[in-house]
Amino acid sequence: MAAAFAANFLRFVLVALELAIIGRILLSWVEPRGRSSVAQFLVTLTEPVLAPVRRVLPATGGLDFAPFIIVILIGTIVRMLP
């Protein structure tokens, strides 16, 4: 019972993080400067996850592949959970 709760809680947290990253991507197209409170909240929430991946990836000009990699990684982890 406790293992099922822990797996469901982890799944919930990961899906919420995935949605926050997707929201940040979509918001960057609408408001690229990120001055709104929603944009600042999403940056605060997702940057600790995205920053380490950005440091590892090579420079690709203006494209940021870190959110794409994290979303794929989160999706893989969620599908592997029991």
N, C-alpha and C. Protein backbone atom coordinates (compact mmCIF):
# COMPACT_ATOMS: atom_id res chain seq x y z
N MET A 1 0.82 -1.19 0.00
CA MET A 1 0.00 0.00 0.00
C MET A 1 0.86 1.25 0.00
N ALA A 2 1.88 1.28 0.85
CA ALA A 2 2.76 2.46 0.90
C ALA A 2 3.56 2.59 -0.37
N ALA A 3 3.96 1.47 -0.97
CA ALA A 3 4.73 1.52 -2.21
C ALA A 3 3.87 2.07 -3.35
N ALA A 4 2.61 1.70 -3.38
CA ALA A 4 1.71 2.21 -4.41
C ALA A 4 1.48 3.71 -4.24
N PHE A 5 1.34 4.14 -2.98
CA PHE A 5 1.18 5.57 -2.73
C PHE A 5 2.42 6.34 -3.17
N ALA A 6 3.60 5.82 -2.83
CA ALA A 6 4.85 6.49 -3.20
C ALA A 6 5.00 6.57 -4.72
N ALA A 7 4.66 5.49 -5.42
CA ALA A 7 4.75 5.48 -6.88
C ALA A 7 3.77 6.48 -7.49
N ASN A 8 2.56 6.52 -6.98
CA ASN A 8 1.57 7.47 -7.49
C ASN A 8 1.95 8.91 -7.19
N PHE A 9 2.50 9.16 -6.01
CA PHE A 9 2.94 10.50 -5.65
C PHE A 9 4.09 10.94 -6.55
N LEU A 10 5.06 10.06 -6.77
CA LEU A 10 6.18 10.38 -7.65
C LEU A 10 5.70 10.63 -9.08
N ARG A 11 4.76 9.82 -9.52
CA ARG A 11 4.17 10.01 -10.86
C ARG A 11 3.50 11.38 -10.95
N PHE A 12 2.76 11.76 -9.93
CA PHE A 12 2.09 13.06 -9.91
C PHE A 12 3.09 14.21 -9.97
N VAL A 13 4.16 14.12 -9.18
CA VAL A 13 5.17 15.18 -9.15
C VAL A 13 5.87 15.28 -10.51
N LEU A 14 6.21 14.15 -11.10
CA LEU A 14 6.89 14.17 -12.39
C LEU A 14 6.01 14.71 -13.51
N VAL A 15 4.75 14.33 -13.51
CA VAL A 15 3.83 14.85 -14.54
C VAL A 15 3.61 16.35 -14.33
N ALA A 16 3.51 16.79 -13.09
CA ALA A 16 3.38 18.23 -12.82
C ALA A 16 4.61 18.99 -13.30
N LEU A 17 5.79 18.44 -13.09
CA LEU A 17 7.02 19.07 -13.58
C LEU A 17 7.05 19.09 -15.10
N GLU A 18 6.62 18.01 -15.71
CA GLU A 18 6.56 17.94 -17.17
C GLU A 18 5.61 19.02 -17.72
N LEU A 19 4.47 19.17 -17.10
CA LEU A 19 3.52 20.20 -17.53
C LEU A 19 4.07 21.61 -17.30
N ALA A 20 4.82 21.81 -16.23
CA ALA A 20 5.43 23.11 -15.98
C ALA A 20 6.48 23.43 -17.04
N ILE A 21 7.25 22.44 -17.46
CA ILE A 21 8.24 22.65 -18.51
C ILE A 21 7.56 22.96 -19.83
N ILE A 22 6.52 22.24 -20.15
CA ILE A 22 5.77 22.51 -21.39
C ILE A 22 5.13 23.89 -21.32
N GLY A 23 4.60 24.26 -20.17
CA GLY A 23 4.05 25.60 -20.00
C GLY A 23 5.10 26.67 -20.18
N ARG A 24 6.29 26.41 -19.68
CA ARG A 24 7.38 27.38 -19.85
C ARG A 24 7.76 27.53 -21.31
N ILE A 25 7.78 26.42 -22.04
CA ILE A 25 8.09 26.48 -23.47
C ILE A 25 7.03 27.30 -24.20
N LEU A 26 5.77 27.00 -23.94
CA LEU A 26 4.69 27.72 -24.62
C LEU A 26 4.68 29.19 -24.25
N LEU A 27 4.92 29.48 -22.99
CA LEU A 27 4.94 30.87 -22.55
C LEU A 27 6.11 31.65 -23.14
N SER A 28 7.20 30.97 -23.41
CA SER A 28 8.35 31.66 -24.01
C SER A 28 8.05 32.11 -25.44
N TRP A 29 7.11 31.47 -26.11
CA TRP A 29 6.71 31.92 -27.45
C TRP A 29 5.81 33.13 -27.37
N VAL A 30 4.97 33.20 -26.33
CA VAL A 30 4.02 34.29 -26.19
C VAL A 30 4.68 35.50 -25.53
N GLU A 31 5.45 35.24 -24.49
CA GLU A 31 6.10 36.31 -23.74
C GLU A 31 7.58 35.95 -23.56
N PRO A 32 8.41 36.25 -24.56
CA PRO A 32 9.80 35.80 -24.51
C PRO A 32 10.64 36.42 -23.39
N ARG A 33 10.27 37.58 -22.91
CA ARG A 33 11.07 38.20 -21.84
C ARG A 33 10.74 37.65 -20.47
N GLY A 34 9.60 37.02 -20.32
CA GLY A 34 9.24 36.37 -19.06
C GLY A 34 9.07 37.30 -17.89
N ARG A 35 8.39 38.40 -18.11
CA ARG A 35 8.22 39.38 -17.02
C ARG A 35 6.99 39.14 -16.16
N SER A 36 6.07 38.31 -16.61
CA SER A 36 4.85 38.10 -15.82
C SER A 36 5.15 37.22 -14.61
N SER A 37 4.24 37.24 -13.67
CA SER A 37 4.44 36.43 -12.46
C SER A 37 4.35 34.94 -12.77
N VAL A 38 3.52 34.57 -13.75
CA VAL A 38 3.42 33.16 -14.14
C VAL A 38 4.74 32.69 -14.74
N ALA A 39 5.31 33.51 -15.61
CA ALA A 39 6.59 33.15 -16.23
C ALA A 39 7.69 33.04 -15.18
N GLN A 40 7.72 33.94 -14.25
CA GLN A 40 8.73 33.90 -13.20
C GLN A 40 8.56 32.66 -12.31
N PHE A 41 7.31 32.30 -12.04
CA PHE A 41 7.04 31.10 -11.25
C PHE A 41 7.53 29.85 -11.99
N LEU A 42 7.23 29.77 -13.29
CA LEU A 42 7.64 28.60 -14.07
C LEU A 42 9.16 28.51 -14.18
N VAL A 43 9.82 29.65 -14.32
CA VAL A 43 11.29 29.64 -14.37
C VAL A 43 11.85 29.18 -13.04
N THR A 44 11.31 29.68 -11.95
CA THR A 44 11.77 29.28 -10.62
C THR A 44 11.56 27.80 -10.38
N LEU A 45 10.47 27.26 -10.88
CA LEU A 45 10.13 25.86 -10.67
C LEU A 45 10.97 24.93 -11.55
N THR A 46 11.24 25.32 -12.78
CA THR A 46 11.88 24.41 -13.73
C THR A 46 13.38 24.60 -13.89
N GLU A 47 13.91 25.75 -13.55
CA GLU A 47 15.33 26.02 -13.79
C GLU A 47 16.27 25.07 -13.04
N PRO A 48 15.97 24.65 -11.81
CA PRO A 48 16.87 23.69 -11.15
C PRO A 48 17.00 22.36 -11.90
N VAL A 49 16.01 22.00 -12.68
CA VAL A 49 16.06 20.77 -13.45
C VAL A 49 16.73 21.01 -14.81
N LEU A 50 16.46 22.15 -15.42
CA LEU A 50 16.97 22.42 -16.76
C LEU A 50 18.43 22.87 -16.77
N ALA A 51 18.87 23.59 -15.77
CA ALA A 51 20.22 24.16 -15.76
C ALA A 51 21.33 23.10 -15.87
N PRO A 52 21.27 22.00 -15.12
CA PRO A 52 22.34 21.00 -15.27
C PRO A 52 22.40 20.40 -16.67
N VAL A 53 21.26 20.23 -17.31
CA VAL A 53 21.25 19.67 -18.66
C VAL A 53 21.83 20.68 -19.64
N ARG A 54 21.54 21.95 -19.45
CA ARG A 54 22.10 22.99 -20.32
C ARG A 54 23.63 23.04 -20.22
N ARG A 55 24.16 22.82 -19.03
CA ARG A 55 25.61 22.85 -18.86
C ARG A 55 26.29 21.72 -19.62
N VAL A 56 25.61 20.59 -19.74
CA VAL A 56 26.19 19.42 -20.40
C VAL A 56 26.07 19.53 -21.93
N LEU A 57 24.96 20.09 -22.41
CA LEU A 57 24.74 20.17 -23.85
C LEU A 57 25.67 21.19 -24.51
N PRO A 58 26.09 20.90 -25.75
CA PRO A 58 26.89 21.91 -26.46
C PRO A 58 26.01 23.06 -26.91
N ALA A 59 26.62 24.20 -27.19
CA ALA A 59 25.89 25.38 -27.65
C ALA A 59 25.28 25.09 -29.03
N THR A 60 24.01 25.43 -29.19
CA THR A 60 23.31 25.16 -30.45
C THR A 60 22.71 26.44 -31.03
N GLY A 61 23.34 27.55 -30.81
CA GLY A 61 22.79 28.80 -31.33
C GLY A 61 21.66 29.27 -30.44
N GLY A 62 20.50 29.53 -31.04
CA GLY A 62 19.37 30.04 -30.29
C GLY A 62 18.42 28.97 -29.80
N LEU A 63 18.70 27.71 -30.06
CA LEU A 63 17.79 26.64 -29.67
C LEU A 63 18.21 26.03 -28.33
N ASP A 64 17.22 25.77 -27.50
CA ASP A 64 17.46 25.15 -26.20
C ASP A 64 16.83 23.76 -26.21
N PHE A 65 17.66 22.75 -26.24
CA PHE A 65 17.17 21.37 -26.28
C PHE A 65 16.98 20.77 -24.89
N ALA A 66 17.35 21.47 -23.84
CA ALA A 66 17.23 20.94 -22.48
C ALA A 66 15.79 20.58 -22.11
N PRO A 67 14.78 21.43 -22.40
CA PRO A 67 13.42 21.03 -22.05
C PRO A 67 12.97 19.76 -22.79
N PHE A 68 13.36 19.64 -24.04
CA PHE A 68 13.00 18.45 -24.83
C PHE A 68 13.58 17.20 -24.19
N ILE A 69 14.84 17.26 -23.81
CA ILE A 69 15.50 16.10 -23.19
C ILE A 69 14.87 15.76 -21.85
N ILE A 70 14.57 16.76 -21.05
CA ILE A 70 13.97 16.52 -19.73
C ILE A 70 12.57 15.93 -19.87
N VAL A 71 11.77 16.44 -20.82
CA VAL A 71 10.41 15.91 -21.01
C VAL A 71 10.48 14.44 -21.44
N ILE A 72 11.41 14.11 -22.33
CA ILE A 72 11.56 12.71 -22.74
C ILE A 72 12.01 11.85 -21.56
N LEU A 73 12.93 12.35 -20.76
CA LEU A 73 13.42 11.61 -19.59
C LEU A 73 12.31 11.40 -18.56
N ILE A 74 11.54 12.44 -18.30
CA ILE A 74 10.43 12.31 -17.35
C ILE A 74 9.39 11.32 -17.87
N GLY A 75 9.06 11.40 -19.15
CA GLY A 75 8.11 10.45 -19.73
C GLY A 75 8.58 9.02 -19.60
N THR A 76 9.87 8.80 -19.81
CA THR A 76 10.43 7.45 -19.67
C THR A 76 10.34 6.96 -18.22
N ILE A 77 10.66 7.83 -17.28
CA ILE A 77 10.60 7.44 -15.87
C ILE A 77 9.17 7.14 -15.45
N VAL A 78 8.21 7.97 -15.89
CA VAL A 78 6.81 7.75 -15.52
C VAL A 78 6.31 6.43 -16.08
N ARG A 79 6.71 6.09 -17.29
CA ARG A 79 6.27 4.82 -17.88
C ARG A 79 6.93 3.61 -17.23
N MET A 80 8.07 3.80 -16.60
CA MET A 80 8.75 2.70 -15.94
C MET A 80 8.22 2.45 -14.52
N LEU A 81 7.51 3.40 -13.96
CA LEU A 81 6.97 3.23 -12.61
C LEU A 81 5.89 2.15 -12.62
N PRO A 82 5.81 1.39 -11.53
CA PRO A 82 4.80 0.32 -11.47
C PRO A 82 3.39 0.86 -11.36
